[in-house]
Protein backbone atom coordinates (compact mmCIF):
# COMPACT_ATOMS: atom_id res chain seq x y z
CA MET A 1 9.68 24.65 -5.35
CA GLU A 2 7.79 24.83 -2.06
CA THR A 3 4.99 27.36 -1.60
CA LYS A 4 3.56 29.26 1.34
CA HIS A 5 2.15 25.93 2.61
CA ALA A 6 5.60 24.43 3.12
CA ASP A 7 5.28 24.86 6.89
CA PHE A 8 2.45 22.31 7.14
CA ASP A 9 3.01 20.47 10.43
CA ILE A 10 2.93 16.88 9.23
CA LEU A 11 4.08 15.44 12.54
CA GLU A 12 1.15 17.07 14.34
CA ALA A 13 -1.13 15.84 11.55
CA LEU A 14 0.09 12.26 11.88
CA GLN A 15 -0.34 12.34 15.63
CA ARG A 16 -3.98 13.38 15.24
CA ILE A 17 -4.64 10.85 12.49
CA ARG A 18 -3.32 8.01 14.67
CA ALA A 19 -6.27 8.54 16.98
CA VAL A 20 -8.74 8.72 14.09
CA VAL A 21 -7.71 5.52 12.33
CA ARG A 22 -8.00 3.37 15.45
CA SER A 23 -11.73 3.15 14.77
CA LEU A 24 -11.37 2.63 11.00
CA PRO A 25 -10.74 -0.59 9.04
CA PRO A 26 -6.96 -0.92 8.61
CA ALA A 27 -5.15 -0.89 5.29
CA ALA A 28 -5.22 -4.37 3.76
CA LEU A 29 -1.54 -5.33 3.96
CA PHE A 30 -1.16 -4.08 7.51
CA GLN A 31 -4.27 -6.01 8.53
CA LEU A 32 -3.02 -9.22 6.93
CA ALA A 33 0.39 -8.77 8.55
CA GLU A 34 -1.31 -8.44 11.95
CA GLU A 35 -3.17 -11.68 11.21
CA GLY A 36 0.15 -13.50 10.74
CA PHE A 37 0.61 -13.27 6.96
CA ARG A 38 3.81 -11.28 7.16
CA THR A 39 6.53 -13.07 5.20
CA PRO A 40 7.88 -11.09 2.24
CA PHE A 41 6.25 -13.55 -0.16
CA GLU A 42 2.84 -13.47 1.52
CA LEU A 43 2.78 -9.68 1.58
CA LEU A 44 3.89 -9.51 -2.04
CA VAL A 45 1.05 -11.84 -3.00
CA ALA A 46 -1.41 -9.72 -1.03
CA CYS A 47 -0.16 -6.53 -2.65
CA ILE A 48 -0.48 -8.01 -6.14
CA ILE A 49 -4.06 -8.97 -5.27
CA SER A 50 -4.72 -5.41 -4.06
CA VAL A 51 -3.81 -3.70 -7.33
CA ARG A 52 -6.98 -1.99 -8.66
CA THR A 53 -8.94 -3.92 -6.02
CA ARG A 54 -10.68 -2.58 -2.93
CA ASP A 55 -9.39 -3.62 0.49
CA GLU A 56 -12.81 -5.11 1.24
CA VAL A 57 -12.12 -7.61 -1.55
CA THR A 58 -8.35 -7.95 -1.11
CA VAL A 59 -8.42 -9.16 2.49
CA PRO A 60 -10.90 -12.06 2.15
CA THR A 61 -9.37 -13.05 -1.19
CA ALA A 62 -5.90 -13.21 0.37
CA ARG A 63 -7.19 -15.22 3.33
CA ARG A 64 -8.89 -17.70 1.02
CA LEU A 65 -5.78 -18.05 -1.12
CA PHE A 66 -3.45 -18.45 1.87
CA ALA A 67 -5.67 -21.21 3.22
CA ARG A 68 -4.67 -23.11 0.09
CA ALA A 69 -1.05 -21.97 -0.42
CA ARG A 70 1.36 -19.70 1.46
CA THR A 71 4.83 -20.43 0.06
CA PRO A 72 6.39 -20.28 -3.41
CA GLN A 73 6.59 -24.07 -3.36
CA GLU A 74 2.86 -24.39 -2.66
CA PHE A 75 1.98 -21.77 -5.27
CA ALA A 76 4.07 -23.50 -7.93
CA ALA A 77 2.20 -26.73 -7.25
CA LEU A 78 -1.21 -25.16 -7.86
CA ASP A 79 -3.10 -25.60 -11.08
CA PRO A 80 -3.09 -22.19 -12.82
CA ASN A 81 -6.85 -22.31 -13.34
CA GLU A 82 -7.40 -23.05 -9.66
CA LEU A 83 -5.18 -20.11 -8.74
CA ALA A 84 -7.20 -17.81 -10.99
CA ARG A 85 -10.43 -19.03 -9.37
CA LEU A 86 -9.01 -18.40 -5.90
CA LEU A 87 -8.09 -14.84 -6.89
CA ARG A 88 -11.59 -13.91 -7.96
CA PRO A 89 -13.32 -11.49 -7.39
CA ALA A 90 -10.10 -9.45 -7.40
CA THR A 91 -9.62 -7.53 -10.63
CA PHE A 92 -7.52 -9.04 -13.44
CA ALA A 93 -7.51 -12.41 -11.68
CA GLN A 94 -6.18 -14.30 -14.71
CA VAL A 95 -3.25 -11.91 -15.22
CA LYS A 96 -2.44 -11.88 -11.52
CA ALA A 97 -2.52 -15.69 -11.45
CA GLN A 98 -0.06 -15.83 -14.36
CA ASN A 99 2.25 -13.33 -12.67
CA LEU A 100 2.16 -15.18 -9.36
CA MET A 101 3.01 -18.45 -11.10
CA VAL A 102 6.01 -16.82 -12.80
CA ILE A 103 7.13 -15.33 -9.49
CA ALA A 104 6.80 -18.63 -7.63
CA HIS A 105 8.82 -20.51 -10.23
CA ARG A 106 11.48 -17.80 -10.38
CA LEU A 107 11.88 -17.96 -6.62
CA LEU A 108 12.29 -21.73 -6.74
CA VAL A 109 14.87 -21.56 -9.53
CA GLU A 110 16.77 -18.39 -8.59
CA GLN A 111 16.32 -17.89 -4.82
CA ASN A 112 15.94 -21.36 -3.27
CA GLY A 113 12.24 -20.74 -2.75
CA THR A 114 12.61 -17.57 -0.68
CA LEU A 115 11.72 -14.02 -1.63
CA PRO A 116 14.72 -11.81 -0.79
CA CYS A 117 14.40 -8.35 0.76
CA ASN A 118 16.03 -6.83 -2.28
CA GLU A 119 14.53 -3.84 -4.08
CA GLU A 120 16.10 -4.57 -7.45
CA PHE A 121 14.90 -8.16 -7.45
CA LEU A 122 11.39 -7.21 -6.32
CA ARG A 123 11.08 -4.61 -9.07
CA SER A 124 12.14 -7.22 -11.64
CA LEU A 125 9.08 -9.38 -10.90
CA PRO A 126 5.99 -9.19 -13.16
CA GLY A 127 3.16 -7.07 -11.80
CA VAL A 128 5.33 -5.54 -9.06
CA GLY A 129 5.76 -1.77 -9.03
CA PRO A 130 7.26 0.68 -6.55
CA LYS A 131 4.26 0.66 -4.18
CA CYS A 132 4.28 -3.12 -3.67
CA THR A 133 8.06 -3.20 -3.50
CA ASN A 134 8.11 -0.59 -0.77
CA LEU A 135 5.27 -2.15 1.21
CA VAL A 136 7.05 -5.51 1.26
CA LEU A 137 10.35 -3.92 2.23
CA GLY A 138 8.74 -1.77 4.89
CA ILE A 139 6.32 -4.22 6.52
CA ALA A 140 7.96 -7.61 6.03
CA CYS A 141 11.63 -6.67 5.89
CA GLY A 142 11.83 -3.75 8.29
CA ILE A 143 13.56 -1.60 5.66
CA PRO A 144 12.16 1.96 5.74
CA ARG A 145 10.44 2.85 2.48
CA VAL A 146 7.60 5.19 1.53
CA ALA A 147 4.74 3.36 -0.18
CA VAL A 148 2.58 5.80 -2.15
CA ASP A 149 -0.86 4.91 -3.43
CA VAL A 150 -3.65 7.22 -4.61
CA HIS A 151 -4.61 8.13 -1.05
CA VAL A 152 -1.11 9.06 0.09
CA HIS A 153 -0.48 10.98 -3.13
CA ARG A 154 -3.74 12.92 -2.89
CA ILE A 155 -3.52 13.78 0.80
CA VAL A 156 0.07 15.02 1.05
CA ASN A 157 -0.52 17.22 -2.00
CA ARG A 158 -3.82 18.46 -0.55
CA TRP A 159 -1.86 19.42 2.57
CA GLY A 160 0.72 21.27 0.47
CA TYR A 161 3.43 19.16 2.08
CA VAL A 162 4.63 18.18 -1.40
CA HIS A 163 3.76 19.47 -4.85
CA THR A 164 3.91 16.54 -7.26
CA ARG A 165 2.00 15.17 -10.22
CA THR A 166 2.50 11.41 -9.90
CA PRO A 167 2.75 8.86 -7.07
CA GLU A 168 6.36 8.15 -8.09
CA GLN A 169 7.23 11.83 -7.74
CA THR A 170 5.45 11.90 -4.40
CA MET A 171 7.47 8.92 -3.18
CA GLN A 172 10.73 10.64 -4.09
CA ALA A 173 9.65 13.94 -2.52
CA LEU A 174 8.56 12.28 0.71
CA GLU A 175 11.79 10.32 1.02
CA GLN A 176 13.67 13.61 0.74
CA LYS A 177 11.49 15.50 3.22
CA LEU A 178 9.69 13.21 5.68
CA PRO A 179 11.73 11.91 8.67
CA GLN A 180 12.54 8.25 8.03
CA GLN A 181 10.84 6.93 11.17
CA TYR A 182 7.48 7.84 9.62
CA TRP A 183 8.02 6.31 6.18
CA VAL A 184 6.25 2.98 6.74
CA GLU A 185 3.63 4.38 9.11
CA LEU A 186 2.55 7.01 6.58
CA ASN A 187 0.84 4.44 4.37
CA ARG A 188 -0.73 2.67 7.36
CA LEU A 189 -2.29 5.95 8.50
CA LEU A 190 -3.21 7.69 5.26
CA VAL A 191 -4.89 4.78 3.46
CA PRO A 192 -7.78 4.46 5.94
CA PHE A 193 -7.81 8.23 6.50
CA GLY A 194 -8.05 8.76 2.74
CA LYS A 195 -10.78 6.16 2.27
CA HIS A 196 -13.06 7.39 5.05
CA VAL A 197 -12.23 11.05 5.80
CA CYS A 198 -9.97 12.79 3.28
CA THR A 199 -11.74 11.23 0.31
CA GLY A 200 -11.07 12.04 -3.31
CA ILE A 201 -14.54 13.51 -3.86
CA ALA A 202 -16.27 15.63 -1.20
CA PRO A 203 -13.84 15.06 1.70
CA ARG A 204 -15.23 15.42 5.23
CA CYS A 205 -13.46 18.70 5.95
CA SER A 206 -16.09 20.07 8.33
CA THR A 207 -15.49 17.30 10.87
CA CYS A 208 -11.83 16.56 10.11
CA VAL A 209 -9.32 16.69 12.97
CA LEU A 210 -6.98 18.61 10.67
CA ALA A 211 -9.46 21.38 9.82
CA ASP A 212 -7.25 24.02 11.45
CA LEU A 213 -4.08 22.77 9.72
CA CYS A 214 -5.07 21.77 6.21
CA PRO A 215 -5.02 24.36 3.38
CA ARG A 216 -7.33 22.11 1.31
CA ILE A 217 -5.34 22.57 -1.87
CA GLY A 218 -7.41 21.53 -4.87
CA VAL A 219 -10.59 20.91 -2.84
CA THR A 220 -13.56 22.49 -4.60
CA HIS A 221 -16.37 20.74 -2.71
CA HIS A 222 -16.40 19.19 0.74
CA ARG A 223 -18.75 17.98 3.44
């Protein structure tokens, strides 16, 4: 059930945030896509790297890995230990290497070496959850999806635009409420905004461009 904050003007908020994020480091997958790593497989690899890993580590790790292999065929030909070394210092490098090997071989056997833009298939792959699935579909495939990470989840609840407990609930609520043309852009905007302005602890409310719009739900201390 929506509360008195249901009239939060998210379209005005997004317009203001667009100007803010121009001077901030972009979200990892969007940055890599702009650099030319934008096939569904490359973006899936990058997203797997990014799980529990900071963007500042994800981007150089992905670049280093893609300098060695960029296709399922090239990944399948790698030595698993080499792949794990290439993935460091990303978290859980060994597990991610094992998952990527499984994915590469599945694509060779089941999909002629190409990752399809298919939600059900993506979700069937090891280490791939709804966030990575939706980022691949949205960025690489041009299929509108809402990708919710901790930043998106925190911010839209702080705004009172949705009232949810988990990122999965937030994804469903946003897909019901947010106009579809903003689905992919939402992640591109809110990840850097959440990392540098609307932070989890002590957000920069005093200098935020949304100070007159945001009800600051759940904020107990801010700068």
